[in-house]
Amino acid sequence: MKLVFAEMRRQGQTYDAVEAGSGVNRPTIKAWRHKNRPNLDSIEAVLGHLNFEFVPLPTRRALAPEIVEALRPIAERLDLTMPEAIRLTAEVAYREHHMKALRQSDEAPAASGAAG
């Protein structure tokens, strides 16, 4: 939640602007500061309004040992800790997947229009 409030401050976003842009009620967002925790839909909506994405990252324990071993030389070469290397690899994989999905969705209307 610290990220949400820090970004709101950095971007000059008011509670009203975040409510209008995300669809999450102002009192709900304000309550996150001290007493409530957001549900997944709400945090994704607010982060999206702030130009962030919610992306779960695996921990080292969640990865197969052979993947961790394959990342070790990359981490060493880039002078990264293993958690940093895992985070970087997951981010690159996510971005590549996301870009591929966008390209496919852009191509889909053209392909269906060409058939008719």
PDB file of N, CA and C in Angstrom:
ATOM      1  N   MET A   1       0.812  -1.179   0.000  1.00  0.00           N
ATOM      2  CA  MET A   1       0.000   0.000   0.000  1.00  0.00           C
ATOM      3  C   MET A   1       0.861   1.251   0.000  1.00  0.00           C
ATOM      4  N   LYS A   2       2.056   1.125   0.526  1.00  0.00           N
ATOM      5  CA  LYS A   2       2.945   2.282   0.521  1.00  0.00           C
ATOM      6  C   LYS A   2       3.189   2.766  -0.902  1.00  0.00           C
ATOM      7  N   LEU A   3       3.300   1.828  -1.847  1.00  0.00           N
ATOM      8  CA  LEU A   3       3.512   2.193  -3.240  1.00  0.00           C
ATOM      9  C   LEU A   3       2.344   3.029  -3.762  1.00  0.00           C
ATOM     10  N   VAL A   4       1.118   2.620  -3.473  1.00  0.00           N
ATOM     11  CA  VAL A   4      -0.057   3.348  -3.956  1.00  0.00           C
ATOM     12  C   VAL A   4      -0.020   4.788  -3.465  1.00  0.00           C
ATOM     13  N   PHE A   5       0.180   4.971  -2.176  1.00  0.00           N
ATOM     14  CA  PHE A   5       0.138   6.323  -1.625  1.00  0.00           C
ATOM     15  C   PHE A   5       1.352   7.151  -2.054  1.00  0.00           C
ATOM     16  N   ALA A   6       2.500   6.505  -2.188  1.00  0.00           N
ATOM     17  CA  ALA A   6       3.687   7.221  -2.677  1.00  0.00           C
ATOM     18  C   ALA A   6       3.483   7.660  -4.124  1.00  0.00           C
ATOM     19  N   GLU A   7       2.910   6.790  -4.953  1.00  0.00           N
ATOM     20  CA  GLU A   7       2.666   7.146  -6.356  1.00  0.00           C
ATOM     21  C   GLU A   7       1.585   8.205  -6.484  1.00  0.00           C
ATOM     22  N   MET A   8       0.560   8.119  -5.673  1.00  0.00           N
ATOM     23  CA  MET A   8      -0.460   9.165  -5.698  1.00  0.00           C
ATOM     24  C   MET A   8       0.186  10.515  -5.420  1.00  0.00           C
ATOM     25  N   ARG A   9       1.041  10.559  -4.419  1.00  0.00           N
ATOM     26  CA  ARG A   9       1.725  11.800  -4.052  1.00  0.00           C
ATOM     27  C   ARG A   9       2.650  12.253  -5.176  1.00  0.00           C
ATOM     28  N   ARG A  10       3.458  11.307  -5.707  1.00  0.00           N
ATOM     29  CA  ARG A  10       4.427  11.647  -6.758  1.00  0.00           C
ATOM     30  C   ARG A  10       3.735  12.147  -8.023  1.00  0.00           C
ATOM     31  N   GLN A  11       2.606  11.519  -8.366  1.00  0.00           N
ATOM     32  CA  GLN A  11       1.886  11.884  -9.582  1.00  0.00           C
ATOM     33  C   GLN A  11       0.889  13.030  -9.374  1.00  0.00           C
ATOM     34  N   GLY A  12       0.772  13.493  -8.129  1.00  0.00           N
ATOM     35  CA  GLY A  12      -0.175  14.564  -7.841  1.00  0.00           C
ATOM     36  C   GLY A  12      -1.624  14.124  -7.977  1.00  0.00           C
ATOM     37  N   GLN A  13      -1.884  12.854  -7.702  1.00  0.00           N
ATOM     38  CA  GLN A  13      -3.229  12.284  -7.817  1.00  0.00           C
ATOM     39  C   GLN A  13      -3.994  12.482  -6.513  1.00  0.00           C
ATOM     40  N   THR A  14      -5.193  12.998  -6.613  1.00  0.00           N
ATOM     41  CA  THR A  14      -6.062  13.121  -5.441  1.00  0.00           C
ATOM     42  C   THR A  14      -6.877  11.837  -5.298  1.00  0.00           C
ATOM     43  N   TYR A  15      -7.478  11.679  -4.127  1.00  0.00           N
ATOM     44  CA  TYR A  15      -8.369  10.527  -3.925  1.00  0.00           C
ATOM     45  C   TYR A  15      -9.505  10.559  -4.945  1.00  0.00           C
ATOM     46  N   ASP A  16     -10.035  11.767  -5.209  1.00  0.00           N
ATOM     47  CA  ASP A  16     -11.133  11.889  -6.171  1.00  0.00           C
ATOM     48  C   ASP A  16     -10.697  11.462  -7.571  1.00  0.00           C
ATOM     49  N   ALA A  17      -9.489  11.839  -7.976  1.00  0.00           N
ATOM     50  CA  ALA A  17      -8.987  11.464  -9.296  1.00  0.00           C
ATOM     51  C   ALA A  17      -8.783   9.960  -9.397  1.00  0.00           C
ATOM     52  N   VAL A  18      -8.257   9.363  -8.332  1.00  0.00           N
ATOM     53  CA  VAL A  18      -8.038   7.917  -8.335  1.00  0.00           C
ATOM     54  C   VAL A  18      -9.383   7.193  -8.354  1.00  0.00           C
ATOM     55  N   GLU A  19     -10.340   7.697  -7.606  1.00  0.00           N
ATOM     56  CA  GLU A  19     -11.678   7.101  -7.623  1.00  0.00           C
ATOM     57  C   GLU A  19     -12.268   7.167  -9.031  1.00  0.00           C
ATOM     58  N   ALA A  20     -12.185   8.314  -9.660  1.00  0.00           N
ATOM     59  CA  ALA A  20     -12.752   8.479 -11.008  1.00  0.00           C
ATOM     60  C   ALA A  20     -12.032   7.599 -12.025  1.00  0.00           C
ATOM     61  N   GLY A  21     -10.726   7.467 -11.884  1.00  0.00           N
ATOM     62  CA  GLY A  21      -9.942   6.707 -12.854  1.00  0.00           C
ATOM     63  C   GLY A  21      -9.954   5.202 -12.647  1.00  0.00           C
ATOM     64  N   SER A  22     -10.191   4.779 -11.408  1.00  0.00           N
ATOM     65  CA  SER A  22     -10.112   3.346 -11.101  1.00  0.00           C
ATOM     66  C   SER A  22     -11.461   2.707 -10.835  1.00  0.00           C
ATOM     67  N   GLY A  23     -12.438   3.520 -10.440  1.00  0.00           N
ATOM     68  CA  GLY A  23     -13.739   2.968 -10.070  1.00  0.00           C
ATOM     69  C   GLY A  23     -13.808   2.489  -8.629  1.00  0.00           C
ATOM     70  N   VAL A  24     -12.722   2.668  -7.888  1.00  0.00           N
ATOM     71  CA  VAL A  24     -12.695   2.267  -6.475  1.00  0.00           C
ATOM     72  C   VAL A  24     -13.076   3.486  -5.642  1.00  0.00           C
ATOM     73  N   ASN A  25     -14.035   3.324  -4.754  1.00  0.00           N
ATOM     74  CA  ASN A  25     -14.548   4.441  -3.959  1.00  0.00           C
ATOM     75  C   ASN A  25     -13.468   5.095  -3.109  1.00  0.00           C
ATOM     76  N   ARG A  26     -13.537   6.409  -3.039  1.00  0.00           N
ATOM     77  CA  ARG A  26     -12.598   7.209  -2.252  1.00  0.00           C
ATOM     78  C   ARG A  26     -12.481   6.722  -0.805  1.00  0.00           C
ATOM     79  N   PRO A  27     -13.599   6.489  -0.077  1.00  0.00           N
ATOM     80  CA  PRO A  27     -13.474   6.031   1.309  1.00  0.00           C
ATOM     81  C   PRO A  27     -12.735   4.689   1.416  1.00  0.00           C
ATOM     82  N   THR A  28     -12.924   3.836   0.417  1.00  0.00           N
ATOM     83  CA  THR A  28     -12.236   2.550   0.416  1.00  0.00           C
ATOM     84  C   THR A  28     -10.737   2.757   0.320  1.00  0.00           C
ATOM     85  N   ILE A  29     -10.321   3.601  -0.611  1.00  0.00           N
ATOM     86  CA  ILE A  29      -8.882   3.872  -0.796  1.00  0.00           C
ATOM     87  C   ILE A  29      -8.303   4.502   0.466  1.00  0.00           C
ATOM     88  N   LYS A  30      -9.013   5.465   1.032  1.00  0.00           N
ATOM     89  CA  LYS A  30      -8.529   6.117   2.254  1.00  0.00           C
ATOM     90  C   LYS A  30      -8.377   5.113   3.394  1.00  0.00           C
ATOM     91  N   ALA A  31      -9.297   4.143   3.465  1.00  0.00           N
ATOM     92  CA  ALA A  31      -9.253   3.157   4.554  1.00  0.00           C
ATOM     93  C   ALA A  31      -8.034   2.245   4.435  1.00  0.00           C
ATOM     94  N   TRP A  32      -7.486   2.088   3.221  1.00  0.00           N
ATOM     95  CA  TRP A  32      -6.296   1.255   3.048  1.00  0.00           C
ATOM     96  C   TRP A  32      -5.111   1.812   3.820  1.00  0.00           C
ATOM     97  N   ARG A  33      -5.121   3.078   4.085  1.00  0.00           N
ATOM     98  CA  ARG A  33      -3.980   3.705   4.761  1.00  0.00           C
ATOM     99  C   ARG A  33      -3.784   3.155   6.171  1.00  0.00           C
ATOM    100  N   HIS A  34      -4.878   2.824   6.843  1.00  0.00           N
ATOM    101  CA  HIS A  34      -4.731   2.438   8.250  1.00  0.00           C
ATOM    102  C   HIS A  34      -5.461   1.168   8.685  1.00  0.00           C
ATOM    103  N   LYS A  35      -6.626   0.871   8.088  1.00  0.00           N
ATOM    104  CA  LYS A  35      -7.377  -0.229   8.682  1.00  0.00           C
ATOM    105  C   LYS A  35      -7.782  -1.342   7.738  1.00  0.00           C
ATOM    106  N   ASN A  36      -8.004  -1.075   6.493  1.00  0.00           N
ATOM    107  CA  ASN A  36      -8.469  -2.113   5.571  1.00  0.00           C
ATOM    108  C   ASN A  36      -7.370  -2.524   4.608  1.00  0.00           C
ATOM    109  N   ARG A  37      -7.551  -3.688   4.015  1.00  0.00           N
ATOM    110  CA  ARG A  37      -6.649  -4.176   2.970  1.00  0.00           C
ATOM    111  C   ARG A  37      -7.475  -4.353   1.709  1.00  0.00           C
ATOM    112  N   PRO A  38      -6.905  -4.006   0.565  1.00  0.00           N
ATOM    113  CA  PRO A  38      -7.676  -4.103  -0.676  1.00  0.00           C
ATOM    114  C   PRO A  38      -7.852  -5.535  -1.146  1.00  0.00           C
ATOM    115  N   ASN A  39      -8.936  -5.774  -1.885  1.00  0.00           N
ATOM    116  CA  ASN A  39      -9.048  -7.056  -2.558  1.00  0.00           C
ATOM    117  C   ASN A  39      -8.283  -6.948  -3.880  1.00  0.00           C
ATOM    118  N   LEU A  40      -8.103  -8.058  -4.546  1.00  0.00           N
ATOM    119  CA  LEU A  40      -7.280  -8.082  -5.755  1.00  0.00           C
ATOM    120  C   LEU A  40      -7.835  -7.178  -6.848  1.00  0.00           C
ATOM    121  N   ASP A  41      -9.137  -7.206  -7.069  1.00  0.00           N
ATOM    122  CA  ASP A  41      -9.730  -6.360  -8.108  1.00  0.00           C
ATOM    123  C   ASP A  41      -9.482  -4.880  -7.839  1.00  0.00           C
ATOM    124  N   SER A  42      -9.639  -4.474  -6.583  1.00  0.00           N
ATOM    125  CA  SER A  42      -9.464  -3.066  -6.225  1.00  0.00           C
ATOM    126  C   SER A  42      -8.016  -2.617  -6.388  1.00  0.00           C
ATOM    127  N   ILE A  43      -7.083  -3.410  -5.898  1.00  0.00           N
ATOM    128  CA  ILE A  43      -5.680  -2.986  -5.999  1.00  0.00           C
ATOM    129  C   ILE A  43      -5.230  -2.966  -7.449  1.00  0.00           C
ATOM    130  N   GLU A  44      -5.697  -3.926  -8.257  1.00  0.00           N
ATOM    131  CA  GLU A  44      -5.342  -3.910  -9.677  1.00  0.00           C
ATOM    132  C   GLU A  44      -5.915  -2.673 -10.365  1.00  0.00           C
ATOM    133  N   ALA A  45      -7.140  -2.289 -10.017  1.00  0.00           N
ATOM    134  CA  ALA A  45      -7.761  -1.113 -10.625  1.00  0.00           C
ATOM    135  C   ALA A  45      -7.006   0.160 -10.262  1.00  0.00           C
ATOM    136  N   VAL A  46      -6.658   0.307  -8.991  1.00  0.00           N
ATOM    137  CA  VAL A  46      -5.944   1.512  -8.553  1.00  0.00           C
ATOM    138  C   VAL A  46      -4.534   1.532  -9.140  1.00  0.00           C
ATOM    139  N   LEU A  47      -3.834   0.409  -9.079  1.00  0.00           N
ATOM    140  CA  LEU A  47      -2.492   0.367  -9.666  1.00  0.00           C
ATOM    141  C   LEU A  47      -2.548   0.651 -11.162  1.00  0.00           C
ATOM    142  N   GLY A  48      -3.552   0.115 -11.851  1.00  0.00           N
ATOM    143  CA  GLY A  48      -3.700   0.376 -13.276  1.00  0.00           C
ATOM    144  C   GLY A  48      -3.889   1.853 -13.561  1.00  0.00           C
ATOM    145  N   HIS A  49      -4.688   2.508 -12.743  1.00  0.00           N
ATOM    146  CA  HIS A  49      -4.879   3.955 -12.891  1.00  0.00           C
ATOM    147  C   HIS A  49      -3.559   4.697 -12.705  1.00  0.00           C
ATOM    148  N   LEU A  50      -2.714   4.180 -11.836  1.00  0.00           N
ATOM    149  CA  LEU A  50      -1.417   4.809 -11.563  1.00  0.00           C
ATOM    150  C   LEU A  50      -0.320   4.322 -12.520  1.00  0.00           C
ATOM    151  N   ASN A  51      -0.734   3.578 -13.557  1.00  0.00           N
ATOM    152  CA  ASN A  51       0.193   3.056 -14.583  1.00  0.00           C
ATOM    153  C   ASN A  51       1.144   1.992 -14.064  1.00  0.00           C
ATOM    154  N   PHE A  52       0.624   1.150 -13.171  1.00  0.00           N
ATOM    155  CA  PHE A  52       1.365   0.008 -12.664  1.00  0.00           C
ATOM    156  C   PHE A  52       0.561  -1.245 -12.936  1.00  0.00           C
ATOM    157  N   GLU A  53       1.228  -2.384 -12.920  1.00  0.00           N
ATOM    158  CA  GLU A  53       0.555  -3.665 -13.031  1.00  0.00           C
ATOM    159  C   GLU A  53       0.883  -4.485 -11.793  1.00  0.00           C
ATOM    160  N   PHE A  54      -0.067  -5.299 -11.382  1.00  0.00           N
ATOM    161  CA  PHE A  54       0.158  -6.215 -10.274  1.00  0.00           C
ATOM    162  C   PHE A  54       0.603  -7.538 -10.882  1.00  0.00           C
ATOM    163  N   VAL A  55       1.846  -7.899 -10.630  1.00  0.00           N
ATOM    164  CA  VAL A  55       2.399  -9.123 -11.197  1.00  0.00           C
ATOM    165  C   VAL A  55       3.022  -9.943 -10.079  1.00  0.00           C
ATOM    166  N   PRO A  56       2.455 -11.125  -9.771  1.00  0.00           N
ATOM    167  CA  PRO A  56       3.066 -11.966  -8.748  1.00  0.00           C
ATOM    168  C   PRO A  56       4.394 -12.518  -9.249  1.00  0.00           C
ATOM    169  N   LEU A  57       5.375 -12.541  -8.381  1.00  0.00           N
ATOM    170  CA  LEU A  57       6.687 -13.060  -8.729  1.00  0.00           C
ATOM    171  C   LEU A  57       6.985 -14.306  -7.903  1.00  0.00           C
ATOM    172  N   PRO A  58       7.555 -15.315  -8.546  1.00  0.00           N
ATOM    173  CA  PRO A  58       7.885 -16.523  -7.786  1.00  0.00           C
ATOM    174  C   PRO A  58       9.078 -16.279  -6.863  1.00  0.00           C
ATOM    175  N   THR A  59       9.088 -16.999  -5.760  1.00  0.00           N
ATOM    176  CA  THR A  59      10.275 -17.006  -4.914  1.00  0.00           C
ATOM    177  C   THR A  59      11.178 -18.127  -5.403  1.00  0.00           C
ATOM    178  N   ARG A  60      12.355 -18.151  -4.904  1.00  0.00           N
ATOM    179  CA  ARG A  60      13.310 -19.198  -5.280  1.00  0.00           C
ATOM    180  C   ARG A  60      12.747 -20.585  -4.998  1.00  0.00           C
ATOM    181  N   ARG A  61      12.030 -20.717  -3.881  1.00  0.00           N
ATOM    182  CA  ARG A  61      11.466 -22.025  -3.498  1.00  0.00           C
ATOM    183  C   ARG A  61      10.406 -22.500  -4.486  1.00  0.00           C
ATOM    184  N   ALA A  62       9.779 -21.565  -5.219  1.00  0.00           N
ATOM    185  CA  ALA A  62       8.727 -21.947  -6.162  1.00  0.00           C
ATOM    186  C   ALA A  62       9.290 -22.440  -7.487  1.00  0.00           C
ATOM    187  N   LEU A  63      10.564 -22.190  -7.730  1.00  0.00           N
ATOM    188  CA  LEU A  63      11.177 -22.573  -8.999  1.00  0.00           C
ATOM    189  C   LEU A  63      11.826 -23.945  -8.915  1.00  0.00           C
ATOM    190  N   ALA A  64      11.808 -24.638 -10.035  1.00  0.00           N
ATOM    191  CA  ALA A  64      12.495 -25.930 -10.109  1.00  0.00           C
ATOM    192  C   ALA A  64      13.996 -25.692  -9.927  1.00  0.00           C
ATOM    193  N   PRO A  65      14.692 -26.608  -9.250  1.00  0.00           N
ATOM    194  CA  PRO A  65      16.131 -26.427  -9.005  1.00  0.00           C
ATOM    195  C   PRO A  65      16.939 -26.184 -10.285  1.00  0.00           C
ATOM    196  N   GLU A  66      16.547 -26.831 -11.391  1.00  0.00           N
ATOM    197  CA  GLU A  66      17.302 -26.635 -12.630  1.00  0.00           C
ATOM    198  C   GLU A  66      17.150 -25.207 -13.171  1.00  0.00           C
ATOM    199  N   ILE A  67      16.031 -24.578 -12.905  1.00  0.00           N
ATOM    200  CA  ILE A  67      15.854 -23.185 -13.323  1.00  0.00           C
ATOM    201  C   ILE A  67      16.738 -22.268 -12.476  1.00  0.00           C
ATOM    202  N   VAL A  68      16.771 -22.515 -11.182  1.00  0.00           N
ATOM    203  CA  VAL A  68      17.626 -21.718 -10.298  1.00  0.00           C
ATOM    204  C   VAL A  68      19.084 -21.863 -10.727  1.00  0.00           C
ATOM    205  N   GLU A  69      19.499 -23.079 -11.034  1.00  0.00           N
ATOM    206  CA  GLU A  69      20.884 -23.298 -11.473  1.00  0.00           C
ATOM    207  C   GLU A  69      21.175 -22.610 -12.805  1.00  0.00           C
ATOM    208  N   ALA A  70      20.199 -22.589 -13.704  1.00  0.00           N
ATOM    209  CA  ALA A  70      20.387 -21.913 -14.992  1.00  0.00           C
ATOM    210  C   ALA A  70      20.484 -20.401 -14.805  1.00  0.00           C
ATOM    211  N   LEU A  71      19.811 -19.872 -13.782  1.00  0.00           N
ATOM    212  CA  LEU A  71      19.865 -18.432 -13.525  1.00  0.00           C
ATOM    213  C   LEU A  71      21.145 -17.987 -12.829  1.00  0.00           C
ATOM    214  N   ARG A  72      21.806 -18.925 -12.139  1.00  0.00           N
ATOM    215  CA  ARG A  72      22.990 -18.565 -11.351  1.00  0.00           C
ATOM    216  C   ARG A  72      24.063 -17.856 -12.191  1.00  0.00           C
ATOM    217  N   PRO A  73      24.482 -18.376 -13.362  1.00  0.00           N
ATOM    218  CA  PRO A  73      25.509 -17.672 -14.135  1.00  0.00           C
ATOM    219  C   PRO A  73      25.034 -16.308 -14.658  1.00  0.00           C
ATOM    220  N   ILE A  74      23.737 -16.198 -14.929  1.00  0.00           N
ATOM    221  CA  ILE A  74      23.197 -14.906 -15.378  1.00  0.00           C
ATOM    222  C   ILE A  74      23.288 -13.897 -14.240  1.00  0.00           C
ATOM    223  N   ALA A  75      22.894 -14.337 -13.052  1.00  0.00           N
ATOM    224  CA  ALA A  75      22.961 -13.453 -11.884  1.00  0.00           C
ATOM    225  C   ALA A  75      24.398 -13.009 -11.625  1.00  0.00           C
ATOM    226  N   GLU A  76      25.322 -13.947 -11.705  1.00  0.00           N
ATOM    227  CA  GLU A  76      26.729 -13.606 -11.469  1.00  0.00           C
ATOM    228  C   GLU A  76      27.250 -12.635 -12.521  1.00  0.00           C
ATOM    229  N   ARG A  77      26.896 -12.887 -13.785  1.00  0.00           N
ATOM    230  CA  ARG A  77      27.387 -12.024 -14.859  1.00  0.00           C
ATOM    231  C   ARG A  77      26.839 -10.604 -14.739  1.00  0.00           C
ATOM    232  N   LEU A  78      25.592 -10.479 -14.302  1.00  0.00           N
ATOM    233  CA  LEU A  78      24.972  -9.165 -14.165  1.00  0.00           C
ATOM    234  C   LEU A  78      25.144  -8.565 -12.769  1.00  0.00           C
ATOM    235  N   ASP A  79      25.863  -9.280 -11.911  1.00  0.00           N
ATOM    236  CA  ASP A  79      26.093  -8.840 -10.536  1.00  0.00           C
ATOM    237  C   ASP A  79      24.764  -8.604  -9.794  1.00  0.00           C
ATOM    238  N   LEU A  80      23.893  -9.611  -9.910  1.00  0.00           N
ATOM    239  CA  LEU A  80      22.591  -9.567  -9.249  1.00  0.00           C
ATOM    240  C   LEU A  80      22.518 -10.620  -8.167  1.00  0.00           C
ATOM    241  N   THR A  81      21.698 -10.366  -7.165  1.00  0.00           N
ATOM    242  CA  THR A  81      21.390 -11.424  -6.206  1.00  0.00           C
ATOM    243  C   THR A  81      20.425 -12.388  -6.896  1.00  0.00           C
ATOM    244  N   MET A  82      20.252 -13.572  -6.347  1.00  0.00           N
ATOM    245  CA  MET A  82      19.307 -14.516  -6.951  1.00  0.00           C
ATOM    246  C   MET A  82      17.875 -13.966  -6.954  1.00  0.00           C
ATOM    247  N   PRO A  83      17.399 -13.355  -5.855  1.00  0.00           N
ATOM    248  CA  PRO A  83      16.051 -12.784  -5.933  1.00  0.00           C
ATOM    249  C   PRO A  83      15.929 -11.718  -7.031  1.00  0.00           C
ATOM    250  N   GLU A  84      16.961 -10.915  -7.222  1.00  0.00           N
ATOM    251  CA  GLU A  84      16.933  -9.915  -8.293  1.00  0.00           C
ATOM    252  C   GLU A  84      16.903 -10.583  -9.669  1.00  0.00           C
ATOM    253  N   ALA A  85      17.690 -11.650  -9.836  1.00  0.00           N
ATOM    254  CA  ALA A  85      17.717 -12.365 -11.117  1.00  0.00           C
ATOM    255  C   ALA A  85      16.371 -13.024 -11.395  1.00  0.00           C
ATOM    256  N   ILE A  86      15.754 -13.594 -10.380  1.00  0.00           N
ATOM    257  CA  ILE A  86      14.434 -14.216 -10.540  1.00  0.00           C
ATOM    258  C   ILE A  86      13.414 -13.156 -10.919  1.00  0.00           C
ATOM    259  N   ARG A  87      13.440 -12.031 -10.217  1.00  0.00           N
ATOM    260  CA  ARG A  87      12.503 -10.937 -10.493  1.00  0.00           C
ATOM    261  C   ARG A  87      12.682 -10.424 -11.917  1.00  0.00           C
ATOM    262  N   LEU A  88      13.918 -10.224 -12.332  1.00  0.00           N
ATOM    263  CA  LEU A  88      14.206  -9.739 -13.677  1.00  0.00           C
ATOM    264  C   LEU A  88      13.737 -10.735 -14.733  1.00  0.00           C
ATOM    265  N   THR A  89      14.027 -12.000 -14.524  1.00  0.00           N
ATOM    266  CA  THR A  89      13.615 -13.038 -15.475  1.00  0.00           C
ATOM    267  C   THR A  89      12.092 -13.118 -15.569  1.00  0.00           C
ATOM    268  N   ALA A  90      11.423 -13.063 -14.433  1.00  0.00           N
ATOM    269  CA  ALA A  90       9.952 -13.116 -14.437  1.00  0.00           C
ATOM    270  C   ALA A  90       9.385 -11.895 -15.142  1.00  0.00           C
ATOM    271  N   GLU A  91       9.975 -10.740 -14.913  1.00  0.00           N
ATOM    272  CA  GLU A  91       9.487  -9.523 -15.560  1.00  0.00           C
ATOM    273  C   GLU A  91       9.675  -9.593 -17.074  1.00  0.00           C
ATOM    274  N   VAL A  92      10.834 -10.057 -17.510  1.00  0.00           N
ATOM    275  CA  VAL A  92      11.087 -10.188 -18.949  1.00  0.00           C
ATOM    276  C   VAL A  92      10.112 -11.189 -19.566  1.00  0.00           C
ATOM    277  N   ALA A  93       9.906 -12.319 -18.908  1.00  0.00           N
ATOM    278  CA  ALA A  93       8.983 -13.335 -19.423  1.00  0.00           C
ATOM    279  C   ALA A  93       7.562 -12.784 -19.471  1.00  0.00           C
ATOM    280  N   TYR A  94       7.154 -12.074 -18.437  1.00  0.00           N
ATOM    281  CA  TYR A  94       5.810 -11.493 -18.405  1.00  0.00           C
ATOM    282  C   TYR A  94       5.647 -10.480 -19.530  1.00  0.00           C
ATOM    283  N   ARG A  95       6.622  -9.596 -19.682  1.00  0.00           N
ATOM    284  CA  ARG A  95       6.544  -8.571 -20.736  1.00  0.00           C
ATOM    285  C   ARG A  95       6.485  -9.216 -22.121  1.00  0.00           C
ATOM    286  N   GLU A  96       7.292 -10.247 -22.340  1.00  0.00           N
ATOM    287  CA  GLU A  96       7.288 -10.921 -23.629  1.00  0.00           C
ATOM    288  C   GLU A  96       5.924 -11.562 -23.891  1.00  0.00           C
ATOM    289  N   HIS A  97       5.376 -12.223 -22.890  1.00  0.00           N
ATOM    290  CA  HIS A  97       4.054 -12.839 -23.014  1.00  0.00           C
ATOM    291  C   HIS A  97       2.998 -11.771 -23.306  1.00  0.00           C
ATOM    292  N   HIS A  98       3.068 -10.667 -22.570  1.00  0.00           N
ATOM    293  CA  HIS A  98       2.112  -9.566 -22.731  1.00  0.00           C
ATOM    294  C   HIS A  98       2.208  -8.974 -24.138  1.00  0.00           C
ATOM    295  N   MET A  99       3.410  -8.745 -24.620  1.00  0.00           N
ATOM    296  CA  MET A  99       3.599  -8.173 -25.954  1.00  0.00           C
ATOM    297  C   MET A  99       3.112  -9.140 -27.028  1.00  0.00           C
ATOM    298  N   LYS A 100       3.346 -10.423 -26.846  1.00  0.00           N
ATOM    299  CA  LYS A 100       2.883 -11.431 -27.806  1.00  0.00           C
ATOM    300  C   LYS A 100       1.357 -11.428 -27.861  1.00  0.00           C
ATOM    301  N   ALA A 101       0.714 -11.369 -26.704  1.00  0.00           N
ATOM    302  CA  ALA A 101      -0.747 -11.332 -26.654  1.00  0.00           C
ATOM    303  C   ALA A 101      -1.276 -10.077 -27.341  1.00  0.00           C
ATOM    304  N   LEU A 102      -0.606  -8.937 -27.146  1.00  0.00           N
ATOM    305  CA  LEU A 102      -1.037  -7.703 -27.814  1.00  0.00           C
ATOM    306  C   LEU A 102      -0.899  -7.809 -29.323  1.00  0.00           C
ATOM    307  N   ARG A 103       0.216  -8.377 -29.780  1.00  0.00           N
ATOM    308  CA  ARG A 103       0.414  -8.542 -31.226  1.00  0.00           C
ATOM    309  C   ARG A 103      -0.664  -9.449 -31.804  1.00  0.00           C
ATOM    310  N   GLN A 104      -0.986 -10.536 -31.095  1.00  0.00           N
ATOM    311  CA  GLN A 104      -2.012 -11.460 -31.578  1.00  0.00           C
ATOM    312  C   GLN A 104      -3.379 -10.791 -31.630  1.00  0.00           C
ATOM    313  N   SER A 105      -3.697  -9.973 -30.634  1.00  0.00           N
ATOM    314  CA  SER A 105      -5.000  -9.303 -30.628  1.00  0.00           C
ATOM    315  C   SER A 105      -5.054  -8.245 -31.731  1.00  0.00           C
ATOM    316  N   ASP A 106      -3.916  -7.600 -32.045  1.00  0.00           N
ATOM    317  CA  ASP A 106      -3.880  -6.636 -33.150  1.00  0.00           C
ATOM    318  C   ASP A 106      -4.050  -7.313 -34.504  1.00  0.00           C
ATOM    319  N   GLU A 107      -3.511  -8.530 -34.626  1.00  0.00           N
ATOM    320  CA  GLU A 107      -3.574  -9.256 -35.888  1.00  0.00           C
ATOM    321  C   GLU A 107      -4.927  -9.937 -36.089  1.00  0.00           C
ATOM    322  N   ALA A 108      -5.631 -10.259 -35.033  1.00  0.00           N
ATOM    323  CA  ALA A 108      -6.892 -11.010 -35.128  1.00  0.00           C
ATOM    324  C   ALA A 108      -7.937 -10.309 -35.987  1.00  0.00           C
ATOM    325  N   PRO A 109      -8.227  -9.002 -35.811  1.00  0.00           N
ATOM    326  CA  PRO A 109      -9.239  -8.372 -36.648  1.00  0.00           C
ATOM    327  C   PRO A 109      -8.847  -8.357 -38.122  1.00  0.00           C
ATOM    328  N   ALA A 110      -7.574  -8.157 -38.414  1.00  0.00           N
ATOM    329  CA  ALA A 110      -7.129  -8.125 -39.804  1.00  0.00           C
ATOM    330  C   ALA A 110      -7.297  -9.504 -40.434  1.00  0.00           C
ATOM    331  N   ALA A 111      -6.984 -10.548 -39.684  1.00  0.00           N
ATOM    332  CA  ALA A 111      -7.107 -11.905 -40.198  1.00  0.00           C
ATOM    333  C   ALA A 111      -8.562 -12.266 -40.452  1.00  0.00           C
ATOM    334  N   SER A 112      -9.466 -11.881 -39.542  1.00  0.00           N
ATOM    335  CA  SER A 112     -10.881 -12.210 -39.727  1.00  0.00           C
ATOM    336  C   SER A 112     -11.485 -11.383 -40.859  1.00  0.00           C
ATOM    337  N   GLY A 113     -11.013 -10.142 -41.039  1.00  0.00           N
ATOM    338  CA  GLY A 113     -11.513  -9.294 -42.114  1.00  0.00           C
ATOM    339  C   GLY A 113     -11.047  -9.788 -43.479  1.00  0.00           C
ATOM    340  N   ALA A 114      -9.851 -10.380 -43.541  1.00  0.00           N
ATOM    341  CA  ALA A 114      -9.304 -10.865 -44.804  1.00  0.00           C
ATOM    342  C   ALA A 114     -10.068 -12.100 -45.288  1.00  0.00           C
ATOM    343  N   ALA A 115     -10.644 -12.855 -44.362  1.00  0.00           N
ATOM    344  CA  ALA A 115     -11.348 -14.085 -44.736  1.00  0.00           C
ATOM    345  C   ALA A 115     -12.676 -13.789 -45.413  1.00  0.00           C
ATOM    346  N   GLY A 116     -13.293 -12.617 -45.146  1.00  0.00           N
ATOM    347  CA  GLY A 116     -14.622 -12.300 -45.646  1.00  0.00           C
ATOM    348  C   GLY A 116     -14.556 -11.634 -46.935  1.00  0.00           C
TER     349      GLY A 116
END
